[in-house]
Structure formats: C-alpha cells, structure tokens
C-alpha atoms as a PDB file:
ATOM      1  CA  UNK A   1     181.772 165.500 277.199  1.00  0.00           C
ATOM      2  CA  UNK A   2     179.821 168.041 275.134  1.00  0.00           C
ATOM      3  CA  UNK A   3     176.513 169.643 275.942  1.00  0.00           C
ATOM      4  CA  UNK A   4     173.558 167.473 274.865  1.00  0.00           C
ATOM      5  CA  UNK A   5     169.918 168.166 274.109  1.00  0.00           C
ATOM      6  CA  UNK A   6     169.069 166.633 277.499  1.00  0.00           C
ATOM      7  CA  UNK A   7     171.203 169.305 279.214  1.00  0.00           C
ATOM      8  CA  UNK A   8     169.313 172.047 277.392  1.00  0.00           C
ATOM      9  CA  UNK A   9     165.960 170.465 278.226  1.00  0.00           C
ATOM     10  CA  UNK A  10     166.860 170.162 281.906  1.00  0.00           C
ATOM     11  CA  UNK A  11     168.077 173.764 282.145  1.00  0.00           C
ATOM     12  CA  UNK A  12     165.009 175.105 280.314  1.00  0.00           C
ATOM     13  CA  UNK A  13     162.560 172.920 282.206  1.00  0.00           C
ATOM     14  CA  UNK A  14     161.041 171.353 279.102  1.00  0.00           C
ATOM     15  CA  UNK A  15     161.195 168.017 277.278  1.00  0.00           C
ATOM     16  CA  UNK A  16     163.863 167.120 274.752  1.00  0.00           C
ATOM     17  CA  UNK A  17     161.141 167.015 272.074  1.00  0.00           C
ATOM     18  CA  UNK A  18     160.217 170.627 272.845  1.00  0.00           C
ATOM     19  CA  UNK A  19     163.885 171.646 272.612  1.00  0.00           C
ATOM     20  CA  UNK A  20     164.170 169.932 269.243  1.00  0.00           C
ATOM     21  CA  UNK A  21     161.014 171.566 267.899  1.00  0.00           C
ATOM     22  CA  UNK A  22     161.939 174.993 269.235  1.00  0.00           C
ATOM     23  CA  UNK A  23     165.453 175.004 267.790  1.00  0.00           C
ATOM     24  CA  UNK A  24     164.296 173.684 264.401  1.00  0.00           C
ATOM     25  CA  UNK A  25     161.591 176.343 264.086  1.00  0.00           C
ATOM     26  CA  UNK A  26     158.739 173.838 264.045  1.00  0.00           C
ATOM     27  CA  UNK A  27     155.171 174.789 265.081  1.00  0.00           C
ATOM     28  CA  UNK A  28     153.274 173.886 268.267  1.00  0.00           C
ATOM     29  CA  UNK A  29     155.772 175.603 270.565  1.00  0.00           C
ATOM     30  CA  UNK A  30     154.719 178.706 272.487  1.00  0.00           C
ATOM     31  CA  UNK A  31     156.791 181.721 271.522  1.00  0.00           C
ATOM     32  CA  UNK A  32     157.883 182.382 275.102  1.00  0.00           C
ATOM     33  CA  UNK A  33     159.032 178.768 275.438  1.00  0.00           C
ATOM     34  CA  UNK A  34     160.853 178.938 272.105  1.00  0.00           C
ATOM     35  CA  UNK A  35     162.739 182.067 273.161  1.00  0.00           C
ATOM     36  CA  UNK A  36     163.647 180.534 276.552  1.00  0.00           C
ATOM     37  CA  UNK A  37     164.982 177.395 274.872  1.00  0.00           C
ATOM     38  CA  UNK A  38     167.027 179.451 272.424  1.00  0.00           C
ATOM     39  CA  UNK A  39     168.453 181.550 275.239  1.00  0.00           C
ATOM     40  CA  UNK A  40     169.401 178.475 277.267  1.00  0.00           C
ATOM     41  CA  UNK A  41     170.922 176.743 274.227  1.00  0.00           C
ATOM     42  CA  UNK A  42     172.942 179.846 273.426  1.00  0.00           C
ATOM     43  CA  UNK A  43     174.155 180.137 277.004  1.00  0.00           C
ATOM     44  CA  UNK A  44     175.292 176.509 276.968  1.00  0.00           C
ATOM     45  CA  UNK A  45     176.866 176.838 273.493  1.00  0.00           C
ATOM     46  CA  UNK A  46     174.620 174.052 272.251  1.00  0.00           C
ATOM     47  CA  UNK A  47     174.175 173.581 268.515  1.00  0.00           C
ATOM     48  CA  UNK A  48     171.616 171.075 267.307  1.00  0.00           C
ATOM     49  CA  UNK A  49     173.189 168.150 265.465  1.00  0.00           C
ATOM     50  CA  UNK A  50     172.313 168.253 261.732  1.00  0.00           C
ATOM     51  CA  UNK A  51     172.223 164.465 261.548  1.00  0.00           C
ATOM     52  CA  UNK A  52     170.000 164.201 264.610  1.00  0.00           C
ATOM     53  CA  UNK A  53     167.715 166.916 263.265  1.00  0.00           C
ATOM     54  CA  UNK A  54     167.404 165.154 259.932  1.00  0.00           C
ATOM     55  CA  UNK A  55     166.696 161.821 261.612  1.00  0.00           C
ATOM     56  CA  UNK A  56     164.012 163.363 263.792  1.00  0.00           C
ATOM     57  CA  UNK A  57     162.352 165.150 260.900  1.00  0.00           C
ATOM     58  CA  UNK A  58     162.587 162.256 258.444  1.00  0.00           C
ATOM     59  CA  UNK A  59     164.560 164.430 256.037  1.00  0.00           C
ATOM     60  CA  UNK A  60     167.874 163.673 254.364  1.00  0.00           C
ATOM     61  CA  UNK A  61     169.166 167.241 254.048  1.00  0.00           C
ATOM     62  CA  UNK A  62     169.995 166.631 250.372  1.00  0.00           C
ATOM     63  CA  UNK A  63     168.571 167.286 246.927  1.00  0.00           C
ATOM     64  CA  UNK A  64     169.221 165.370 243.717  1.00  0.00           C
ATOM     65  CA  UNK A  65     170.518 167.324 240.729  1.00  0.00           C
ATOM     66  CA  UNK A  66     169.734 165.339 237.580  1.00  0.00           C
ATOM     67  CA  UNK A  67     171.827 166.653 234.690  1.00  0.00           C
ATOM     68  CA  UNK A  68     173.086 165.341 231.335  1.00  0.00           C
ATOM     69  CA  UNK A  69     176.462 167.041 231.820  1.00  0.00           C
ATOM     70  CA  UNK A  70     178.539 168.319 234.728  1.00  0.00           C
ATOM     71  CA  UNK A  71     181.769 169.588 233.170  1.00  0.00           C
ATOM     72  CA  UNK A  72     180.227 171.759 230.434  1.00  0.00           C
ATOM     73  CA  UNK A  73     180.203 175.462 231.268  1.00  0.00           C
ATOM     74  CA  UNK A  74     176.436 176.093 231.179  1.00  0.00           C
ATOM     75  CA  UNK A  75     175.630 173.135 233.410  1.00  0.00           C
ATOM     76  CA  UNK A  76     178.379 173.825 235.930  1.00  0.00           C
ATOM     77  CA  UNK A  77     177.245 177.456 236.186  1.00  0.00           C
ATOM     78  CA  UNK A  78     173.574 176.716 236.820  1.00  0.00           C
ATOM     79  CA  UNK A  79     174.490 174.000 239.322  1.00  0.00           C
ATOM     80  CA  UNK A  80     176.776 176.461 241.105  1.00  0.00           C
ATOM     81  CA  UNK A  81     173.898 178.932 241.292  1.00  0.00           C
ATOM     82  CA  UNK A  82     171.577 176.357 242.833  1.00  0.00           C
ATOM     83  CA  UNK A  83     174.320 175.167 245.191  1.00  0.00           C
ATOM     84  CA  UNK A  84     174.825 178.695 246.541  1.00  0.00           C
ATOM     85  CA  UNK A  85     171.168 178.740 247.657  1.00  0.00           C
ATOM     86  CA  UNK A  86     171.209 175.239 249.123  1.00  0.00           C
ATOM     87  CA  UNK A  87     174.491 175.800 250.938  1.00  0.00           C
ATOM     88  CA  UNK A  88     173.000 178.690 252.897  1.00  0.00           C
ATOM     89  CA  UNK A  89     170.116 176.412 253.907  1.00  0.00           C
ATOM     90  CA  UNK A  90     172.478 173.625 254.997  1.00  0.00           C
ATOM     91  CA  UNK A  91     171.358 171.313 252.190  1.00  0.00           C
ATOM     92  CA  UNK A  92     173.745 169.110 250.204  1.00  0.00           C
ATOM     93  CA  UNK A  93     173.646 168.400 246.470  1.00  0.00           C
ATOM     94  CA  UNK A  94     173.706 164.840 245.166  1.00  0.00           C
ATOM     95  CA  UNK A  95     174.814 165.103 241.535  1.00  0.00           C
ATOM     96  CA  UNK A  96     173.334 162.490 239.221  1.00  0.00           C
ATOM     97  CA  UNK A  97     174.927 162.640 235.788  1.00  0.00           C
ATOM     98  CA  UNK A  98     172.587 160.791 233.432  1.00  0.00           C
ATOM     99  CA  UNK A  99     175.157 160.560 230.653  1.00  0.00           C
ATOM    100  CA  UNK A 100     175.494 162.231 227.293  1.00  0.00           C
ATOM    101  CA  UNK A 101     171.868 161.592 226.327  1.00  0.00           C
ATOM    102  CA  UNK A 102     172.600 159.281 223.442  1.00  0.00           C
ATOM    103  CA  UNK A 103     169.638 157.931 221.445  1.00  0.00           C
ATOM    104  CA  UNK A 104     167.353 160.549 222.992  1.00  0.00           C
ATOM    105  CA  UNK A 105     167.129 158.888 226.404  1.00  0.00           C
ATOM    106  CA  UNK A 106     168.678 159.617 229.775  1.00  0.00           C
ATOM    107  CA  UNK A 107     169.824 157.107 232.387  1.00  0.00           C
ATOM    108  CA  UNK A 108     167.389 158.253 235.071  1.00  0.00           C
ATOM    109  CA  UNK A 109     168.057 156.775 238.531  1.00  0.00           C
ATOM    110  CA  UNK A 110     165.361 154.474 239.987  1.00  0.00           C
ATOM    111  CA  UNK A 111     162.674 156.403 241.840  1.00  0.00           C
ATOM    112  CA  UNK A 112     162.905 154.323 245.079  1.00  0.00           C
ATOM    113  CA  UNK A 113     166.550 155.318 245.300  1.00  0.00           C
ATOM    114  CA  UNK A 114     165.620 158.992 245.046  1.00  0.00           C
ATOM    115  CA  UNK A 115     162.905 158.760 247.717  1.00  0.00           C
ATOM    116  CA  UNK A 116     165.355 157.306 250.220  1.00  0.00           C
ATOM    117  CA  UNK A 117     168.218 159.669 249.534  1.00  0.00           C
ATOM    118  CA  UNK A 118     166.840 163.159 248.865  1.00  0.00           C
ATOM    119  CA  UNK A 119     164.195 165.690 249.901  1.00  0.00           C
ATOM    120  CA  UNK A 120     163.863 167.364 246.514  1.00  0.00           C
ATOM    121  CA  UNK A 121     164.859 167.117 242.861  1.00  0.00           C
ATOM    122  CA  UNK A 122     166.394 169.657 240.472  1.00  0.00           C
ATOM    123  CA  UNK A 123     166.279 168.681 236.790  1.00  0.00           C
ATOM    124  CA  UNK A 124     168.696 170.561 234.537  1.00  0.00           C
ATOM    125  CA  UNK A 125     167.823 170.975 230.846  1.00  0.00           C
ATOM    126  CA  UNK A 126     166.372 167.514 230.238  1.00  0.00           C
ATOM    127  CA  UNK A 127     163.300 167.551 227.952  1.00  0.00           C
ATOM    128  CA  UNK A 128     160.195 167.159 230.139  1.00  0.00           C
ATOM    129  CA  UNK A 129     158.464 165.093 227.440  1.00  0.00           C
ATOM    130  CA  UNK A 130     161.059 162.322 227.832  1.00  0.00           C
ATOM    131  CA  UNK A 131     159.169 159.222 229.033  1.00  0.00           C
ATOM    132  CA  UNK A 132     162.085 158.377 231.328  1.00  0.00           C
ATOM    133  CA  UNK A 133     161.334 161.524 233.344  1.00  0.00           C
ATOM    134  CA  UNK A 134     157.688 160.646 233.950  1.00  0.00           C
ATOM    135  CA  UNK A 135     158.358 158.519 237.080  1.00  0.00           C
ATOM    136  CA  UNK A 136     160.437 161.388 238.515  1.00  0.00           C
ATOM    137  CA  UNK A 137     157.769 163.998 237.853  1.00  0.00           C
ATOM    138  CA  UNK A 138     155.142 161.680 239.363  1.00  0.00           C
ATOM    139  CA  UNK A 139     156.934 161.256 242.701  1.00  0.00           C
ATOM    140  CA  UNK A 140     155.056 164.186 244.265  1.00  0.00           C
ATOM    141  CA  UNK A 141     158.338 165.362 245.762  1.00  0.00           C
ATOM    142  CA  UNK A 142     159.499 168.985 245.670  1.00  0.00           C
ATOM    143  CA  UNK A 143     160.798 169.364 242.107  1.00  0.00           C
ATOM    144  CA  UNK A 144     162.144 172.190 239.971  1.00  0.00           C
ATOM    145  CA  UNK A 145     163.369 172.314 236.372  1.00  0.00           C
ATOM    146  CA  UNK A 146     165.839 174.520 234.552  1.00  0.00           C
ATOM    147  CA  UNK A 147     165.404 175.004 230.814  1.00  0.00           C
ATOM    148  CA  UNK A 148     162.231 172.977 230.415  1.00  0.00           C
ATOM    149  CA  UNK A 149     158.538 173.418 231.125  1.00  0.00           C
ATOM    150  CA  UNK A 150     156.319 170.754 232.714  1.00  0.00           C
ATOM    151  CA  UNK A 151     152.803 171.202 234.154  1.00  0.00           C
ATOM    152  CA  UNK A 152     152.712 171.568 237.911  1.00  0.00           C
ATOM    153  CA  UNK A 153     156.502 171.911 238.259  1.00  0.00           C
ATOM    154  CA  UNK A 154     158.428 175.049 239.167  1.00  0.00           C
ATOM    155  CA  UNK A 155     160.348 175.808 235.952  1.00  0.00           C
ATOM    156  CA  UNK A 156     162.988 178.458 235.291  1.00  0.00           C
ATOM    157  CA  UNK A 157     164.030 179.247 231.724  1.00  0.00           C
ATOM    158  CA  UNK A 158     164.704 181.895 229.131  1.00  0.00           C
ATOM    159  CA  UNK A 159     162.629 182.348 225.980  1.00  0.00           C
ATOM    160  CA  UNK A 160     164.980 180.388 223.710  1.00  0.00           C
ATOM    161  CA  UNK A 161     162.843 180.988 220.634  1.00  0.00           C
ATOM    162  CA  UNK A 162     162.962 184.753 221.176  1.00  0.00           C
ATOM    163  CA  UNK A 163     166.708 184.651 221.870  1.00  0.00           C
ATOM    164  CA  UNK A 164     167.332 182.864 218.565  1.00  0.00           C
ATOM    165  CA  UNK A 165     165.111 185.337 216.737  1.00  0.00           C
ATOM    166  CA  UNK A 166     167.055 188.234 218.228  1.00  0.00           C
ATOM    167  CA  UNK A 167     170.348 186.707 217.096  1.00  0.00           C
ATOM    168  CA  UNK A 168     169.166 185.900 213.574  1.00  0.00           C
ATOM    169  CA  UNK A 169     167.410 189.236 213.063  1.00  0.00           C
ATOM    170  CA  UNK A 170     170.592 191.059 214.136  1.00  0.00           C
ATOM    171  CA  UNK A 171     172.404 189.374 211.248  1.00  0.00           C
ATOM    172  CA  UNK A 172     169.542 190.041 208.823  1.00  0.00           C
ATOM    173  CA  UNK A 173     169.368 193.755 209.633  1.00  0.00           C
ATOM    174  CA  UNK A 174     173.120 193.995 209.033  1.00  0.00           C
ATOM    175  CA  UNK A 175     172.358 193.019 205.428  1.00  0.00           C
ATOM    176  CA  UNK A 176     173.199 189.307 205.554  1.00  0.00           C
ATOM    177  CA  UNK A 177     171.064 186.973 203.475  1.00  0.00           C
ATOM    178  CA  UNK A 178     173.113 183.753 203.460  1.00  0.00           C
ATOM    179  CA  UNK A 179     172.903 183.009 207.179  1.00  0.00           C
ATOM    180  CA  UNK A 180     174.148 179.637 208.391  1.00  0.00           C
ATOM    181  CA  UNK A 181     173.256 177.944 211.655  1.00  0.00           C
ATOM    182  CA  UNK A 182     175.515 175.941 213.969  1.00  0.00           C
ATOM    183  CA  UNK A 183     173.236 173.655 215.988  1.00  0.00           C
ATOM    184  CA  UNK A 184     173.903 170.913 218.504  1.00  0.00           C
ATOM    185  CA  UNK A 185     173.352 167.717 216.577  1.00  0.00           C
ATOM    186  CA  UNK A 186     171.212 164.571 216.717  1.00  0.00           C
ATOM    187  CA  UNK A 187     172.003 163.773 220.378  1.00  0.00           C
ATOM    188  CA  UNK A 188     170.989 167.300 221.408  1.00  0.00           C
ATOM    189  CA  UNK A 189     167.923 167.647 219.207  1.00  0.00           C
ATOM    190  CA  UNK A 190     165.300 166.840 221.841  1.00  0.00           C
ATOM    191  CA  UNK A 191     166.543 169.365 224.377  1.00  0.00           C
ATOM    192  CA  UNK A 192     164.107 172.236 224.803  1.00  0.00           C
ATOM    193  CA  UNK A 193     166.733 174.924 224.172  1.00  0.00           C
ATOM    194  CA  UNK A 194     167.967 173.288 220.966  1.00  0.00           C
ATOM    195  CA  UNK A 195     164.503 172.797 219.470  1.00  0.00           C
ATOM    196  CA  UNK A 196     163.262 176.273 220.431  1.00  0.00           C
ATOM    197  CA  UNK A 197     166.379 177.995 219.070  1.00  0.00           C
ATOM    198  CA  UNK A 198     165.988 176.130 215.810  1.00  0.00           C
ATOM    199  CA  UNK A 199     162.354 177.272 215.606  1.00  0.00           C
ATOM    200  CA  UNK A 200     163.401 180.860 216.255  1.00  0.00           C
ATOM    201  CA  UNK A 201     166.064 180.768 213.539  1.00  0.00           C
ATOM    202  CA  UNK A 202     163.729 179.226 210.962  1.00  0.00           C
ATOM    203  CA  UNK A 203     160.926 181.673 211.751  1.00  0.00           C
ATOM    204  CA  UNK A 204     163.160 184.639 210.875  1.00  0.00           C
ATOM    205  CA  UNK A 205     164.380 182.946 207.683  1.00  0.00           C
ATOM    206  CA  UNK A 206     160.759 182.339 206.644  1.00  0.00           C
ATOM    207  CA  UNK A 207     159.516 185.827 207.560  1.00  0.00           C
ATOM    208  CA  UNK A 208     162.122 187.461 205.349  1.00  0.00           C
ATOM    209  CA  UNK A 209     161.685 184.940 202.519  1.00  0.00           C
ATOM    210  CA  UNK A 210     165.260 183.732 202.729  1.00  0.00           C
ATOM    211  CA  UNK A 211     166.169 180.366 201.223  1.00  0.00           C
ATOM    212  CA  UNK A 212     166.446 177.457 203.671  1.00  0.00           C
ATOM    213  CA  UNK A 213     169.617 175.930 202.277  1.00  0.00           C
ATOM    214  CA  UNK A 214     170.645 172.600 203.879  1.00  0.00           C
ATOM    215  CA  UNK A 215     174.224 173.465 202.936  1.00  0.00           C
ATOM    216  CA  UNK A 216     174.020 176.271 205.508  1.00  0.00           C
ATOM    217  CA  UNK A 217     173.142 173.942 208.392  1.00  0.00           C
ATOM    218  CA  UNK A 218     175.897 172.151 210.307  1.00  0.00           C
ATOM    219  CA  UNK A 219     176.293 170.483 213.698  1.00  0.00           C
ATOM    220  CA  UNK A 220     178.610 171.859 216.371  1.00  0.00           C
ATOM    221  CA  UNK A 221     177.573 169.642 219.315  1.00  0.00           C
ATOM    222  CA  UNK A 222     177.668 172.642 221.685  1.00  0.00           C
ATOM    223  CA  UNK A 223     181.462 172.447 221.966  1.00  0.00           C
ATOM    224  CA  UNK A 224     184.313 174.653 220.729  1.00  0.00           C
ATOM    225  CA  UNK A 225     185.788 171.755 218.752  1.00  0.00           C
ATOM    226  CA  UNK A 226     182.423 171.080 217.143  1.00  0.00           C
ATOM    227  CA  UNK A 227     182.004 174.746 216.268  1.00  0.00           C
ATOM    228  CA  UNK A 228     185.425 174.842 214.627  1.00  0.00           C
ATOM    229  CA  UNK A 229     184.753 171.718 212.568  1.00  0.00           C
ATOM    230  CA  UNK A 230     181.327 173.012 211.586  1.00  0.00           C
ATOM    231  CA  UNK A 231     182.754 176.328 210.408  1.00  0.00           C
ATOM    232  CA  UNK A 232     185.486 174.503 208.480  1.00  0.00           C
ATOM    233  CA  UNK A 233     182.745 172.591 206.663  1.00  0.00           C
ATOM    234  CA  UNK A 234     180.800 175.770 205.847  1.00  0.00           C
ATOM    235  CA  UNK A 235     183.899 177.503 204.467  1.00  0.00           C
ATOM    236  CA  UNK A 236     184.634 174.508 202.257  1.00  0.00           C
ATOM    237  CA  UNK A 237     181.280 174.658 200.486  1.00  0.00           C
ATOM    238  CA  UNK A 238     180.794 176.266 197.046  1.00  0.00           C
ATOM    239  CA  UNK A 239     178.769 179.237 198.290  1.00  0.00           C
ATOM    240  CA  UNK A 240     179.724 179.833 201.957  1.00  0.00           C
ATOM    241  CA  UNK A 241     177.648 182.007 204.287  1.00  0.00           C
ATOM    242  CA  UNK A 242     178.331 185.655 205.060  1.00  0.00           C
ATOM    243  CA  UNK A 243     177.037 185.206 208.620  1.00  0.00           C
ATOM    244  CA  UNK A 244     176.591 182.389 211.148  1.00  0.00           C
ATOM    245  CA  UNK A 245     174.216 181.992 214.070  1.00  0.00           C
ATOM    246  CA  UNK A 246     175.796 179.638 216.616  1.00  0.00           C
ATOM    247  CA  UNK A 247     173.325 178.299 219.180  1.00  0.00           C
ATOM    248  CA  UNK A 248     175.931 178.665 221.932  1.00  0.00           C
ATOM    249  CA  UNK A 249     178.938 180.883 222.573  1.00  0.00           C
ATOM    250  CA  UNK A 250     181.266 177.898 222.827  1.00  0.00           C
ATOM    251  CA  UNK A 251     180.389 176.829 219.284  1.00  0.00           C
ATOM    252  CA  UNK A 252     180.874 180.458 218.215  1.00  0.00           C
ATOM    253  CA  UNK A 253     184.386 180.453 219.750  1.00  0.00           C
ATOM    254  CA  UNK A 254     185.259 177.456 217.605  1.00  0.00           C
ATOM    255  CA  UNK A 255     183.815 179.156 214.532  1.00  0.00           C
ATOM    256  CA  UNK A 256     185.966 182.239 215.186  1.00  0.00           C
ATOM    257  CA  UNK A 257     189.060 180.053 215.482  1.00  0.00           C
ATOM    258  CA  UNK A 258     188.218 178.429 212.148  1.00  0.00           C
ATOM    259  CA  UNK A 259     187.803 181.808 210.450  1.00  0.00           C
ATOM    260  CA  UNK A 260     191.167 183.015 211.682  1.00  0.00           C
ATOM    261  CA  UNK A 261     192.845 179.788 210.620  1.00  0.00           C
ATOM    262  CA  UNK A 262     191.520 180.529 207.133  1.00  0.00           C
ATOM    263  CA  UNK A 263     192.859 184.090 207.215  1.00  0.00           C
ATOM    264  CA  UNK A 264     189.391 185.597 207.694  1.00  0.00           C
ATOM    265  CA  UNK A 265     188.308 188.215 210.209  1.00  0.00           C
ATOM    266  CA  UNK A 266     185.088 187.823 212.241  1.00  0.00           C
ATOM    267  CA  UNK A 267     182.771 190.760 211.660  1.00  0.00           C
ATOM    268  CA  UNK A 268     184.535 191.846 208.513  1.00  0.00           C
ATOM    269  CA  UNK A 269     184.599 188.744 206.290  1.00  0.00           C
ATOM    270  CA  UNK A 270     182.020 186.592 208.106  1.00  0.00           C
ATOM    271  CA  UNK A 271     179.797 187.667 211.004  1.00  0.00           C
ATOM    272  CA  UNK A 272     179.375 185.349 214.001  1.00  0.00           C
ATOM    273  CA  UNK A 273     176.787 185.584 216.795  1.00  0.00           C
ATOM    274  CA  UNK A 274     176.147 183.240 219.730  1.00  0.00           C
ATOM    275  CA  UNK A 275     173.890 182.826 222.761  1.00  0.00           C
ATOM    276  CA  UNK A 276     175.065 182.873 226.408  1.00  0.00           C
ATOM    277  CA  UNK A 277     177.492 185.724 227.128  1.00  0.00           C
ATOM    278  CA  UNK A 278     180.113 183.234 228.310  1.00  0.00           C
ATOM    279  CA  UNK A 279     182.861 184.931 230.397  1.00  0.00           C
ATOM    280  CA  UNK A 280     185.237 184.585 227.416  1.00  0.00           C
ATOM    281  CA  UNK A 281     182.842 186.347 225.025  1.00  0.00           C
ATOM    282  CA  UNK A 282     184.138 189.832 225.738  1.00  0.00           C
ATOM    283  CA  UNK A 283     187.748 188.699 225.229  1.00  0.00           C
ATOM    284  CA  UNK A 284     186.827 187.112 221.900  1.00  0.00           C
ATOM    285  CA  UNK A 285     184.828 190.160 220.777  1.00  0.00           C
ATOM    286  CA  UNK A 286     181.810 187.916 220.328  1.00  0.00           C
ATOM    287  CA  UNK A 287     178.384 189.411 219.692  1.00  0.00           C
ATOM    288  CA  UNK A 288     175.922 187.351 221.709  1.00  0.00           C
ATOM    289  CA  UNK A 289     172.470 187.159 223.234  1.00  0.00           C
ATOM    290  CA  UNK A 290     173.177 187.172 226.949  1.00  0.00           C
ATOM    291  CA  UNK A 291     171.286 184.862 229.271  1.00  0.00           C
ATOM    292  CA  UNK A 292     171.580 184.974 233.104  1.00  0.00           C
ATOM    293  CA  UNK A 293     173.034 181.477 233.507  1.00  0.00           C
ATOM    294  CA  UNK A 294     173.959 181.576 237.196  1.00  0.00           C
ATOM    295  CA  UNK A 295     170.671 183.284 238.049  1.00  0.00           C
ATOM    296  CA  UNK A 296     168.777 180.401 236.432  1.00  0.00           C
ATOM    297  CA  UNK A 297     170.313 178.103 239.032  1.00  0.00           C
ATOM    298  CA  UNK A 298     169.787 180.560 241.885  1.00  0.00           C
ATOM    299  CA  UNK A 299     166.107 181.063 241.062  1.00  0.00           C
ATOM    300  CA  UNK A 300     165.465 177.345 240.612  1.00  0.00           C
ATOM    301  CA  UNK A 301     167.187 176.685 243.941  1.00  0.00           C
ATOM    302  CA  UNK A 302     165.027 179.277 245.668  1.00  0.00           C
ATOM    303  CA  UNK A 303     161.820 177.837 244.215  1.00  0.00           C
ATOM    304  CA  UNK A 304     162.806 174.300 245.186  1.00  0.00           C
ATOM    305  CA  UNK A 305     163.753 175.374 248.703  1.00  0.00           C
ATOM    306  CA  UNK A 306     160.397 177.131 249.083  1.00  0.00           C
ATOM    307  CA  UNK A 307     158.634 173.891 248.181  1.00  0.00           C
ATOM    308  CA  UNK A 308     160.718 171.955 250.682  1.00  0.00           C
ATOM    309  CA  UNK A 309     159.841 174.398 253.445  1.00  0.00           C
ATOM    310  CA  UNK A 310     156.106 174.588 252.818  1.00  0.00           C
ATOM    311  CA  UNK A 311     153.142 173.233 250.870  1.00  0.00           C
ATOM    312  CA  UNK A 312     153.595 172.766 247.138  1.00  0.00           C
ATOM    313  CA  UNK A 313     151.460 174.948 244.850  1.00  0.00           C
ATOM    314  CA  UNK A 314     148.410 173.363 243.189  1.00  0.00           C
ATOM    315  CA  UNK A 315     149.242 171.139 240.252  1.00  0.00           C
ATOM    316  CA  UNK A 316     147.312 173.376 237.848  1.00  0.00           C
ATOM    317  CA  UNK A 317     149.248 176.520 238.761  1.00  0.00           C
ATOM    318  CA  UNK A 318     151.324 178.314 236.108  1.00  0.00           C
ATOM    319  CA  UNK A 319     154.781 177.900 237.565  1.00  0.00           C
ATOM    320  CA  UNK A 320     157.116 179.122 234.815  1.00  0.00           C
ATOM    321  CA  UNK A 321     159.632 181.812 235.755  1.00  0.00           C
ATOM    322  CA  UNK A 322     161.141 183.333 232.611  1.00  0.00           C
ATOM    323  CA  UNK A 323     164.352 185.335 232.954  1.00  0.00           C
ATOM    324  CA  UNK A 324     165.285 188.038 230.425  1.00  0.00           C
ATOM    325  CA  UNK A 325     167.911 187.968 227.671  1.00  0.00           C
ATOM    326  CA  UNK A 326     169.811 190.859 226.071  1.00  0.00           C
ATOM    327  CA  UNK A 327     171.618 191.425 222.762  1.00  0.00           C
ATOM    328  CA  UNK A 328     175.248 192.456 223.319  1.00  0.00           C
ATOM    329  CA  UNK A 329     176.934 193.696 220.154  1.00  0.00           C
ATOM    330  CA  UNK A 330     180.698 193.344 219.805  1.00  0.00           C
ATOM    331  CA  UNK A 331     183.150 193.140 216.910  1.00  0.00           C
ATOM    332  CA  UNK A 332     182.306 189.631 215.617  1.00  0.00           C
ATOM    333  CA  UNK A 333     179.329 190.988 213.661  1.00  0.00           C
ATOM    334  CA  UNK A 334     179.269 193.730 211.066  1.00  0.00           C
ATOM    335  CA  UNK A 335     177.518 194.850 207.851  1.00  0.00           C
ATOM    336  CA  UNK A 336     177.667 192.542 204.851  1.00  0.00           C
ATOM    337  CA  UNK A 337     180.646 193.555 202.764  1.00  0.00           C
END
C-alpha cells in the first residue's frame, strides 16, 4: 500500500490539513513547519494527489478554451501556446469549439456548465461585443482574451489596423495603385481582426486618394481554397489589380497558386502580401506582416494563470497587452511593371 497523507502527518507531527496546506503552498503555515513537512514528504516519496488537492481546494484544475475553430493554423498555434503554459502548471484545457460562427453568433456553452467544470476561461478571437459572450464575461471568473478587447479582461492582441496599413502601404510605395483586398467574408466580418484590417486597408486607400473599386474586393474566407478562388475572380475582371493585400497568409498562398495557374509570377506580374508569417511563407516567397502567433497564446496563458493564482485586477484597469508586428519582404512583392 502506498504512502498516504496520514503517514506524512504522523511522521511530521502535524495534522493532515497542515500537510495539505504546506505541500500546496497555501498560507497560514509557519515556514519551519512547511519545510519540515516537505522534508518528511520527500523522505517518504509522497506526492500529493492532484485529484485530492483539487477536491480540497474546490478547484477543477482545468480551463475552458472557447474558440470558433480548432483545426485552422492560427487557432491551433495560439491554443498550443496557451497549453504550454498551463501544462507546466498542471492545468488541463477543455476545448469548446463554438462552431463556424455562422450568422454572426457563436454557440456559447451555458454558464452553469462552465462554473462547474473550469477555473478559468480563455476566449480566442471571438468579438467581445457579441451579446452571446456577455454571460461569460459577467461570470467574474479568471478570464483572458486573444484578439479582442473587453473592459476589465486581460486581452492579448496585435494592432491589426496598423498591420493592415503596413501591408497596404508597402504595395503603394512600390508604385501600385490598383490594389485589391482578399478579406474573410460575411461570416468573418464581425471578428475584431477582420474589421480592423479592413479599416487599415481603407485608410491607406483614402489617404492616397486611390479609388475604392468594389471590383477589387473579394472574399477568401481565410482559407487557401478561398484565396485561390478569390484571385481567380480578380484575374477574370476587365481591369485586374497589379497588387493584392490578403488579410491572412493562407489566403495569400491560394492567390499565389491562382497566379501560377494563369502563367503569372508573384512579384513580377502581380504583387501579393499577407499577414501572419505562417511557417510556409518563407518557402512560398511570400511578403508578409509577421505576428507572434504562438506568443499570443503564451502571454494570454500567463495572464490567465496569474489571475487564477491571485486576486484579479480592478475592473477599470487597462489590461490590453499588445504584441509587435514586423514587415518581412520576400519575392512575392515587387515594383509595378
């Protein structure tokens, strides 16, 4: 039979409650007693049971990750970043895929279910203004967001508007004036990243007095297939663009495939730029605005873990952490011919 907490308590001359508190790092235990308990536990090769510890503390040892997608590259990368932080802390992830966000609404799980099952909540890229999120944000549980900004919530994001401006201005300063945009589409339109990138693109077009031509705006649905179909449509129009800003690298990959299928060369015949710095970007020669995708998840995980381990910051605090982006120029962009 294995060593139990009662064995440790007996050997250390304290109660089982003191052993539990000492080994879990809880307060109200004298330092000398804590060290003696640790020494005895180590000598007996006793390891506190995670399930018993969670039961005693009233914690589940899990967090909910609420995300519209799991298999898409961006989402899997940020979740992996958060998971790396939680794994070190012995905390499990409960993935809650709310669907493909059709009709502008997510299938948010009932709040009583969340209270019973998790100690914290990580929301990935869902728009904070969505009314379906209000019950989640009102739970007063440790909560963090990636890619959105909500008052009183730890949020981690990039400046999507600035990233889009950087991408569009790169094309403008190369001499391009007919600049098309590959955006997500109606089902993506309420996401913070999508709306801010559209604002950034349009602000550059307006500043340089370029024509906003609806024929230069197509949907790519943030997928390679969508990007390819969108580029096919642009090339089939009477006056096609000389450059394209794709709101994600995956759409840009599809656009590059379309160009090559039409016998055109990216950067020479039509310039293509994306946002992300996807691992395949360097192989495709794609110019892109790099964002630290994994680090978004890591930072959000750290902020959420800090909440779970201590008091939450005042609701009025400014709790946005903005990570930097960087323009990386490769062969997919070049001067207007």
